[in-house]
Amino acid sequence: MSTILFIALHAAESREYSTHDYIRFQRHCMLAVFDLQQTRQSINRMDKTRILRWRDDPFAVCAWRGVTCMYSIVRAIEWDTELSGDHAVRLTWMDVRWLPPTVHRVLIANQFGCKPSPASTRHFPREVTNLRMSCCALFGSIDMTVLPLSLEILDLAGNQFHGELVLANLPRSLVIMNLRRNDFHSVLVDNESLPSNFRQCALCRYQKNRVHVRTVTGAPVDGRVIVERINIFGRVYID
């Protein structure tokens, strides 16, 4: 993480910055999500994503398509190509590290034109409650111990996350996880640490792949952790 991002996030959390300072930082964040700067060349690239409703002030992020603000602070981002029709925001690159820390709801989905980009749960917005980033060409491993404490819904389906998934030390607010169509080779579950309101963690594997699921104690896996199997005809079965 860059020095400017670390300092700004710390200031935002400690409220040392004024609202004006934070809005400037927020603009920097939102442009950095696209790997852009506040330049004329960036405006042309932004046009191609269809994120601009108008060009009068292209760097006024609260006027961007799919962005919801409250008192000039970004609270929600919704860029789903299947829900927005002809005006869908179509990304070619996304840097998760720069999503503003004040965002409560993130819905970025079906971005099939996105280049593969790394993502870490450590960089998810700290105030987010509903985070859905499915089919965005994200890759990396998932560390559940650093998820935002207020998170209720996590949907990272259809990406390229890999390695072992450890379901332990989850946020107590977490209810739903959709991790289907990723590349996990194993899942380790601590049944006792699943939150009381937790409903489901869904994964899936294809016919020839195997996901090894076990618990830390050797006991049967909690029924709320589901691994689906997809055969060559696309039919889904529960392992």
C-alpha atoms as a PDB file:
ATOM      1  CA  MET A   1       0.000   0.000   0.000  1.00  0.00           C
ATOM      2  CA  SER A   2       1.386   3.421  -0.920  1.00  0.00           C
ATOM      3  CA  THR A   3       2.311   5.992   1.723  1.00  0.00           C
ATOM      4  CA  ILE A   4      -0.409   8.433   0.615  1.00  0.00           C
ATOM      5  CA  LEU A   5      -3.086   5.746   0.941  1.00  0.00           C
ATOM      6  CA  PHE A   6      -1.895   4.687   4.411  1.00  0.00           C
ATOM      7  CA  ILE A   7      -1.799   8.255   5.719  1.00  0.00           C
ATOM      8  CA  ALA A   8      -5.161   9.176   4.225  1.00  0.00           C
ATOM      9  CA  LEU A   9      -6.923   6.087   5.546  1.00  0.00           C
ATOM     10  CA  HIS A  10      -5.502   6.696   9.014  1.00  0.00           C
ATOM     11  CA  ALA A  11      -6.651  10.293   8.903  1.00  0.00           C
ATOM     12  CA  ALA A  12     -10.118   9.311   7.718  1.00  0.00           C
ATOM     13  CA  GLU A  13     -10.497   6.823  10.563  1.00  0.00           C
ATOM     14  CA  SER A  14      -9.194   9.249  13.196  1.00  0.00           C
ATOM     15  CA  ARG A  15     -11.185  12.153  11.660  1.00  0.00           C
ATOM     16  CA  GLU A  16      -8.118  14.402  11.619  1.00  0.00           C
ATOM     17  CA  TYR A  17      -8.952  15.605   8.099  1.00  0.00           C
ATOM     18  CA  SER A  18     -11.648  18.163   7.340  1.00  0.00           C
ATOM     19  CA  THR A  19     -14.525  17.223   5.057  1.00  0.00           C
ATOM     20  CA  HIS A  20     -12.924  19.258   2.267  1.00  0.00           C
ATOM     21  CA  ASP A  21      -9.639  17.377   2.644  1.00  0.00           C
ATOM     22  CA  TYR A  22     -11.429  14.053   2.644  1.00  0.00           C
ATOM     23  CA  ILE A  23     -13.403  14.894  -0.511  1.00  0.00           C
ATOM     24  CA  ARG A  24     -10.120  15.641  -2.282  1.00  0.00           C
ATOM     25  CA  PHE A  25      -8.719  12.323  -1.079  1.00  0.00           C
ATOM     26  CA  GLN A  26     -11.931  10.581  -2.112  1.00  0.00           C
ATOM     27  CA  ARG A  27     -11.585  11.955  -5.655  1.00  0.00           C
ATOM     28  CA  HIS A  28      -8.010  10.665  -5.758  1.00  0.00           C
ATOM     29  CA  CYS A  29      -9.231   7.232  -4.600  1.00  0.00           C
ATOM     30  CA  MET A  30     -12.012   6.936  -7.147  1.00  0.00           C
ATOM     31  CA  LEU A  31      -9.705   7.875 -10.012  1.00  0.00           C
ATOM     32  CA  ALA A  32      -7.060   5.437  -8.758  1.00  0.00           C
ATOM     33  CA  VAL A  33      -9.609   2.602  -8.856  1.00  0.00           C
ATOM     34  CA  PHE A  34      -9.395   3.021 -12.647  1.00  0.00           C
ATOM     35  CA  ASP A  35      -5.651   3.799 -12.633  1.00  0.00           C
ATOM     36  CA  LEU A  36      -6.446   7.384 -13.673  1.00  0.00           C
ATOM     37  CA  GLN A  37      -5.256  10.850 -12.715  1.00  0.00           C
ATOM     38  CA  GLN A  38      -6.968  14.243 -12.901  1.00  0.00           C
ATOM     39  CA  THR A  39      -5.941  14.969 -16.498  1.00  0.00           C
ATOM     40  CA  ARG A  40      -7.606  15.607 -19.851  1.00  0.00           C
ATOM     41  CA  GLN A  41      -6.424  12.222 -21.126  1.00  0.00           C
ATOM     42  CA  SER A  42      -8.268  10.562 -18.259  1.00  0.00           C
ATOM     43  CA  ILE A  43     -11.554  12.137 -19.362  1.00  0.00           C
ATOM     44  CA  ASN A  44     -11.380  10.300 -22.681  1.00  0.00           C
ATOM     45  CA  ARG A  45     -10.772   6.995 -20.891  1.00  0.00           C
ATOM     46  CA  MET A  46     -13.646   7.709 -18.514  1.00  0.00           C
ATOM     47  CA  ASP A  47     -15.925   8.315 -21.494  1.00  0.00           C
ATOM     48  CA  LYS A  48     -15.184   4.804 -22.730  1.00  0.00           C
ATOM     49  CA  THR A  49     -16.268   3.281 -19.414  1.00  0.00           C
ATOM     50  CA  ARG A  50     -19.565   5.248 -19.601  1.00  0.00           C
ATOM     51  CA  ILE A  51     -19.118   6.390 -16.036  1.00  0.00           C
ATOM     52  CA  LEU A  52     -19.716  10.075 -16.831  1.00  0.00           C
ATOM     53  CA  ARG A  53     -23.285  11.345 -16.889  1.00  0.00           C
ATOM     54  CA  TRP A  54     -22.031  14.669 -18.239  1.00  0.00           C
ATOM     55  CA  ARG A  55     -18.673  16.299 -18.920  1.00  0.00           C
ATOM     56  CA  ASP A  56     -19.161  19.670 -17.160  1.00  0.00           C
ATOM     57  CA  ASP A  57     -17.188  18.461 -14.143  1.00  0.00           C
ATOM     58  CA  PRO A  58     -15.906  14.946 -14.909  1.00  0.00           C
ATOM     59  CA  PHE A  59     -13.998  14.744 -11.630  1.00  0.00           C
ATOM     60  CA  ALA A  60     -17.071  15.303  -9.444  1.00  0.00           C
ATOM     61  CA  VAL A  61     -17.255  11.658  -8.395  1.00  0.00           C
ATOM     62  CA  CYS A  62     -20.667  11.982  -6.739  1.00  0.00           C
ATOM     63  CA  ALA A  63     -22.107  12.726 -10.196  1.00  0.00           C
ATOM     64  CA  TRP A  64     -20.666   9.553 -11.704  1.00  0.00           C
ATOM     65  CA  ARG A  65     -23.052   6.897 -12.918  1.00  0.00           C
ATOM     66  CA  GLY A  66     -23.662   4.256 -10.237  1.00  0.00           C
ATOM     67  CA  VAL A  67     -22.173   6.300  -7.376  1.00  0.00           C
ATOM     68  CA  THR A  68     -24.341   7.325  -4.413  1.00  0.00           C
ATOM     69  CA  CYS A  69     -23.160   9.978  -1.967  1.00  0.00           C
ATOM     70  CA  MET A  70     -24.417  11.391   1.305  1.00  0.00           C
ATOM     71  CA  TYR A  71     -23.223  14.901   2.159  1.00  0.00           C
ATOM     72  CA  SER A  72     -20.620  14.563  -0.628  1.00  0.00           C
ATOM     73  CA  ILE A  73     -19.183  11.347   0.841  1.00  0.00           C
ATOM     74  CA  VAL A  74     -19.328   8.194  -1.304  1.00  0.00           C
ATOM     75  CA  ARG A  75     -21.557   5.586   0.371  1.00  0.00           C
ATOM     76  CA  ALA A  76     -22.438   3.179  -2.459  1.00  0.00           C
ATOM     77  CA  ILE A  77     -20.952   2.046  -5.772  1.00  0.00           C
ATOM     78  CA  GLU A  78     -23.058   0.008  -8.212  1.00  0.00           C
ATOM     79  CA  TRP A  79     -21.441  -0.991 -11.494  1.00  0.00           C
ATOM     80  CA  ASP A  80     -23.159  -4.160 -12.688  1.00  0.00           C
ATOM     81  CA  THR A  81     -23.283  -4.532 -16.471  1.00  0.00           C
ATOM     82  CA  GLU A  82     -26.328  -6.820 -16.291  1.00  0.00           C
ATOM     83  CA  LEU A  83     -28.453  -4.331 -14.338  1.00  0.00           C
ATOM     84  CA  SER A  84     -27.613  -1.084 -16.091  1.00  0.00           C
ATOM     85  CA  GLY A  85     -28.468  -1.872 -19.724  1.00  0.00           C
ATOM     86  CA  ASP A  86     -27.123   0.481 -22.373  1.00  0.00           C
ATOM     87  CA  HIS A  87     -25.682   2.802 -19.728  1.00  0.00           C
ATOM     88  CA  ALA A  88     -23.698   0.101 -17.922  1.00  0.00           C
ATOM     89  CA  VAL A  89     -20.305   1.122 -16.580  1.00  0.00           C
ATOM     90  CA  ARG A  90     -17.785  -1.199 -18.233  1.00  0.00           C
ATOM     91  CA  LEU A  91     -14.419  -1.404 -16.533  1.00  0.00           C
ATOM     92  CA  THR A  92     -11.139  -2.461 -18.099  1.00  0.00           C
ATOM     93  CA  TRP A  93      -9.177  -2.281 -14.844  1.00  0.00           C
ATOM     94  CA  MET A  94     -10.028  -2.108 -11.146  1.00  0.00           C
ATOM     95  CA  ASP A  95      -7.708  -1.563  -8.187  1.00  0.00           C
ATOM     96  CA  VAL A  96      -9.615  -2.668  -5.088  1.00  0.00           C
ATOM     97  CA  ARG A  97      -7.094  -0.993  -2.769  1.00  0.00           C
ATOM     98  CA  TRP A  98      -8.484   2.434  -3.650  1.00  0.00           C
ATOM     99  CA  LEU A  99     -12.181   1.898  -2.941  1.00  0.00           C
ATOM    100  CA  PRO A 100     -13.029   4.708  -0.473  1.00  0.00           C
ATOM    101  CA  PRO A 101     -13.117   3.520   3.174  1.00  0.00           C
ATOM    102  CA  THR A 102     -16.513   5.183   3.738  1.00  0.00           C
ATOM    103  CA  VAL A 103     -18.403   2.980   1.253  1.00  0.00           C
ATOM    104  CA  HIS A 104     -21.210   0.897   2.810  1.00  0.00           C
ATOM    105  CA  ARG A 105     -22.386  -0.933  -0.312  1.00  0.00           C
ATOM    106  CA  VAL A 106     -20.302  -2.195  -3.243  1.00  0.00           C
ATOM    107  CA  LEU A 107     -21.912  -3.916  -6.232  1.00  0.00           C
ATOM    108  CA  ILE A 108     -19.374  -4.336  -9.029  1.00  0.00           C
ATOM    109  CA  ALA A 109     -20.267  -7.318 -11.166  1.00  0.00           C
ATOM    110  CA  ASN A 110     -20.069  -8.948 -14.587  1.00  0.00           C
ATOM    111  CA  GLN A 111     -17.080  -6.860 -15.646  1.00  0.00           C
ATOM    112  CA  PHE A 112     -15.951  -9.337 -18.275  1.00  0.00           C
ATOM    113  CA  GLY A 113     -13.742  -6.757 -19.998  1.00  0.00           C
ATOM    114  CA  CYS A 114     -11.614  -6.254 -16.880  1.00  0.00           C
ATOM    115  CA  LYS A 115      -7.964  -7.243 -16.982  1.00  0.00           C
ATOM    116  CA  PRO A 116      -6.924  -9.619 -14.154  1.00  0.00           C
ATOM    117  CA  SER A 117      -5.990  -7.613 -11.070  1.00  0.00           C
ATOM    118  CA  PRO A 118      -4.877  -8.596  -7.555  1.00  0.00           C
ATOM    119  CA  ALA A 119      -7.232  -8.177  -4.613  1.00  0.00           C
ATOM    120  CA  SER A 120      -6.826  -8.628  -0.878  1.00  0.00           C
ATOM    121  CA  THR A 121      -9.498  -8.708   1.806  1.00  0.00           C
ATOM    122  CA  ARG A 122      -7.198  -6.418   3.801  1.00  0.00           C
ATOM    123  CA  HIS A 123      -8.021  -3.603   1.379  1.00  0.00           C
ATOM    124  CA  PHE A 124     -11.812  -3.882   1.426  1.00  0.00           C
ATOM    125  CA  PRO A 125     -13.541  -0.672   2.632  1.00  0.00           C
ATOM    126  CA  ARG A 126     -13.626  -0.705   6.423  1.00  0.00           C
ATOM    127  CA  GLU A 127     -17.260   0.451   6.694  1.00  0.00           C
ATOM    128  CA  VAL A 128     -18.726  -1.857   4.050  1.00  0.00           C
ATOM    129  CA  THR A 129     -21.694  -4.064   4.984  1.00  0.00           C
ATOM    130  CA  ASN A 130     -22.613  -5.460   1.559  1.00  0.00           C
ATOM    131  CA  LEU A 131     -19.731  -6.259  -0.781  1.00  0.00           C
ATOM    132  CA  ARG A 132     -20.395  -7.954  -4.108  1.00  0.00           C
ATOM    133  CA  MET A 133     -17.584  -8.125  -6.656  1.00  0.00           C
ATOM    134  CA  SER A 134     -18.430 -11.109  -8.829  1.00  0.00           C
ATOM    135  CA  CYS A 135     -16.944 -11.824 -12.271  1.00  0.00           C
ATOM    136  CA  CYS A 136     -14.370  -9.034 -12.064  1.00  0.00           C
ATOM    137  CA  ALA A 137     -11.173 -11.003 -12.902  1.00  0.00           C
ATOM    138  CA  LEU A 138      -9.842 -10.578  -9.357  1.00  0.00           C
ATOM    139  CA  PHE A 139      -7.181 -12.957  -8.073  1.00  0.00           C
ATOM    140  CA  GLY A 140      -5.287 -13.671  -4.864  1.00  0.00           C
ATOM    141  CA  SER A 141      -5.944 -15.497  -1.614  1.00  0.00           C
ATOM    142  CA  ILE A 142      -8.668 -14.691   0.911  1.00  0.00           C
ATOM    143  CA  ASP A 143      -7.818 -13.945   4.540  1.00  0.00           C
ATOM    144  CA  MET A 144     -11.023 -14.038   6.566  1.00  0.00           C
ATOM    145  CA  THR A 145      -9.338 -12.626   9.680  1.00  0.00           C
ATOM    146  CA  VAL A 146      -9.040  -9.139   8.165  1.00  0.00           C
ATOM    147  CA  LEU A 147     -12.541  -8.743   6.746  1.00  0.00           C
ATOM    148  CA  PRO A 148     -14.364  -5.512   7.694  1.00  0.00           C
ATOM    149  CA  LEU A 149     -16.037  -6.006  11.069  1.00  0.00           C
ATOM    150  CA  SER A 150     -19.424  -4.723   9.853  1.00  0.00           C
ATOM    151  CA  LEU A 151     -19.572  -7.009   6.791  1.00  0.00           C
ATOM    152  CA  GLU A 152     -22.860  -8.912   6.330  1.00  0.00           C
ATOM    153  CA  ILE A 153     -22.762 -10.117   2.705  1.00  0.00           C
ATOM    154  CA  LEU A 154     -19.644 -11.143   0.766  1.00  0.00           C
ATOM    155  CA  ASP A 155     -19.974 -12.198  -2.877  1.00  0.00           C
ATOM    156  CA  LEU A 156     -16.736 -12.876  -4.765  1.00  0.00           C
ATOM    157  CA  ALA A 157     -18.090 -15.508  -7.150  1.00  0.00           C
ATOM    158  CA  GLY A 158     -16.642 -16.016 -10.598  1.00  0.00           C
ATOM    159  CA  ASN A 159     -13.144 -14.704  -9.908  1.00  0.00           C
ATOM    160  CA  GLN A 160      -9.734 -16.372  -9.637  1.00  0.00           C
ATOM    161  CA  PHE A 161      -9.176 -16.563  -5.884  1.00  0.00           C
ATOM    162  CA  HIS A 162      -7.123 -19.606  -4.943  1.00  0.00           C
ATOM    163  CA  GLY A 163      -5.354 -21.524  -2.184  1.00  0.00           C
ATOM    164  CA  GLU A 164      -6.859 -22.739   1.081  1.00  0.00           C
ATOM    165  CA  LEU A 165      -9.923 -20.993   2.461  1.00  0.00           C
ATOM    166  CA  VAL A 166      -9.966 -20.862   6.277  1.00  0.00           C
ATOM    167  CA  LEU A 167     -13.404 -20.207   7.763  1.00  0.00           C
ATOM    168  CA  ALA A 168     -12.400 -19.014  11.210  1.00  0.00           C
ATOM    169  CA  ASN A 169     -12.425 -15.696  13.076  1.00  0.00           C
ATOM    170  CA  LEU A 170     -15.187 -14.364  10.851  1.00  0.00           C
ATOM    171  CA  PRO A 171     -16.901 -11.016  11.527  1.00  0.00           C
ATOM    172  CA  ARG A 172     -19.809 -11.618  13.914  1.00  0.00           C
ATOM    173  CA  SER A 173     -22.100  -9.708  11.534  1.00  0.00           C
ATOM    174  CA  LEU A 174     -21.417 -12.002   8.553  1.00  0.00           C
ATOM    175  CA  VAL A 175     -24.517 -13.750   7.164  1.00  0.00           C
ATOM    176  CA  ILE A 176     -23.877 -14.848   3.562  1.00  0.00           C
ATOM    177  CA  MET A 177     -20.760 -15.737   1.549  1.00  0.00           C
ATOM    178  CA  ASN A 178     -20.879 -16.639  -2.134  1.00  0.00           C
ATOM    179  CA  LEU A 179     -17.470 -17.900  -3.269  1.00  0.00           C
ATOM    180  CA  ARG A 180     -18.615 -20.084  -6.155  1.00  0.00           C
ATOM    181  CA  ARG A 181     -16.492 -20.511  -9.294  1.00  0.00           C
ATOM    182  CA  ASN A 182     -13.091 -19.742  -7.804  1.00  0.00           C
ATOM    183  CA  ASP A 183      -9.999 -21.949  -7.564  1.00  0.00           C
ATOM    184  CA  PHE A 184      -9.781 -22.988  -3.904  1.00  0.00           C
ATOM    185  CA  HIS A 185      -8.171 -26.399  -3.439  1.00  0.00           C
ATOM    186  CA  SER A 186      -9.236 -26.862   0.190  1.00  0.00           C
ATOM    187  CA  VAL A 187     -11.442 -25.413   2.917  1.00  0.00           C
ATOM    188  CA  LEU A 188     -10.720 -25.545   6.654  1.00  0.00           C
ATOM    189  CA  VAL A 189     -13.757 -24.862   8.839  1.00  0.00           C
ATOM    190  CA  ASP A 190     -13.924 -23.976  12.519  1.00  0.00           C
ATOM    191  CA  ASN A 191     -17.541 -24.901  13.232  1.00  0.00           C
ATOM    192  CA  GLU A 192     -17.487 -23.199  16.618  1.00  0.00           C
ATOM    193  CA  SER A 193     -16.427 -19.827  15.206  1.00  0.00           C
ATOM    194  CA  LEU A 194     -19.209 -19.479  12.628  1.00  0.00           C
ATOM    195  CA  PRO A 195     -21.351 -16.460  13.611  1.00  0.00           C
ATOM    196  CA  SER A 196     -24.723 -17.161  15.226  1.00  0.00           C
ATOM    197  CA  ASN A 197     -26.633 -15.432  12.392  1.00  0.00           C
ATOM    198  CA  PHE A 198     -24.526 -17.048   9.678  1.00  0.00           C
ATOM    199  CA  ARG A 199     -26.664 -18.709   6.983  1.00  0.00           C
ATOM    200  CA  GLN A 200     -24.414 -20.020   4.237  1.00  0.00           C
ATOM    201  CA  CYS A 201     -20.996 -20.188   2.644  1.00  0.00           C
ATOM    202  CA  ALA A 202     -21.392 -21.530  -0.896  1.00  0.00           C
ATOM    203  CA  LEU A 203     -18.556 -22.850  -3.036  1.00  0.00           C
ATOM    204  CA  CYS A 204     -18.554 -25.017  -6.119  1.00  0.00           C
ATOM    205  CA  ARG A 205     -16.211 -27.269  -8.043  1.00  0.00           C
ATOM    206  CA  TYR A 206     -16.294 -28.651 -11.540  1.00  0.00           C
ATOM    207  CA  GLN A 207     -16.508 -32.352 -12.366  1.00  0.00           C
ATOM    208  CA  LYS A 208     -12.771 -33.080 -12.502  1.00  0.00           C
ATOM    209  CA  ASN A 209     -11.666 -30.731  -9.729  1.00  0.00           C
ATOM    210  CA  ARG A 210     -11.797 -31.557  -6.059  1.00  0.00           C
ATOM    211  CA  VAL A 211     -12.174 -29.236  -3.090  1.00  0.00           C
ATOM    212  CA  HIS A 212     -11.077 -30.912   0.133  1.00  0.00           C
ATOM    213  CA  VAL A 213     -13.259 -29.695   3.025  1.00  0.00           C
ATOM    214  CA  ARG A 214     -12.433 -30.529   6.641  1.00  0.00           C
ATOM    215  CA  THR A 215     -12.832 -29.096  10.142  1.00  0.00           C
ATOM    216  CA  VAL A 216     -10.168 -28.128  12.649  1.00  0.00           C
ATOM    217  CA  THR A 217     -11.417 -30.835  15.050  1.00  0.00           C
ATOM    218  CA  GLY A 218     -12.136 -33.589  12.545  1.00  0.00           C
ATOM    219  CA  ALA A 219     -15.885 -33.350  13.234  1.00  0.00           C
ATOM    220  CA  PRO A 220     -18.424 -33.244  10.368  1.00  0.00           C
ATOM    221  CA  VAL A 221     -18.516 -29.922   8.536  1.00  0.00           C
ATOM    222  CA  ASP A 222     -21.303 -27.544   9.562  1.00  0.00           C
ATOM    223  CA  GLY A 223     -24.206 -27.873   7.111  1.00  0.00           C
ATOM    224  CA  ARG A 224     -24.117 -24.156   6.358  1.00  0.00           C
ATOM    225  CA  VAL A 225     -20.876 -24.672   4.422  1.00  0.00           C
ATOM    226  CA  ILE A 226     -21.961 -25.992   1.024  1.00  0.00           C
ATOM    227  CA  VAL A 227     -19.810 -27.274  -1.830  1.00  0.00           C
ATOM    228  CA  GLU A 228     -21.699 -27.694  -5.094  1.00  0.00           C
ATOM    229  CA  ARG A 229     -20.496 -29.918  -7.922  1.00  0.00           C
ATOM    230  CA  ILE A 230     -21.079 -28.932 -11.549  1.00  0.00           C
ATOM    231  CA  ASN A 231     -20.974 -31.713 -14.129  1.00  0.00           C
ATOM    232  CA  ILE A 232     -20.013 -31.431 -17.798  1.00  0.00           C
ATOM    233  CA  PHE A 233     -23.632 -30.617 -18.683  1.00  0.00           C
ATOM    234  CA  GLY A 234     -23.765 -27.690 -16.254  1.00  0.00           C
ATOM    235  CA  ARG A 235     -26.004 -29.466 -13.754  1.00  0.00           C
ATOM    236  CA  VAL A 236     -25.424 -28.649 -10.105  1.00  0.00           C
ATOM    237  CA  TYR A 237     -25.221 -31.224  -7.308  1.00  0.00           C
ATOM    238  CA  ILE A 238     -24.478 -30.836  -3.597  1.00  0.00           C
ATOM    239  CA  ASP A 239     -21.456 -32.843  -2.429  1.00  0.00           C
END
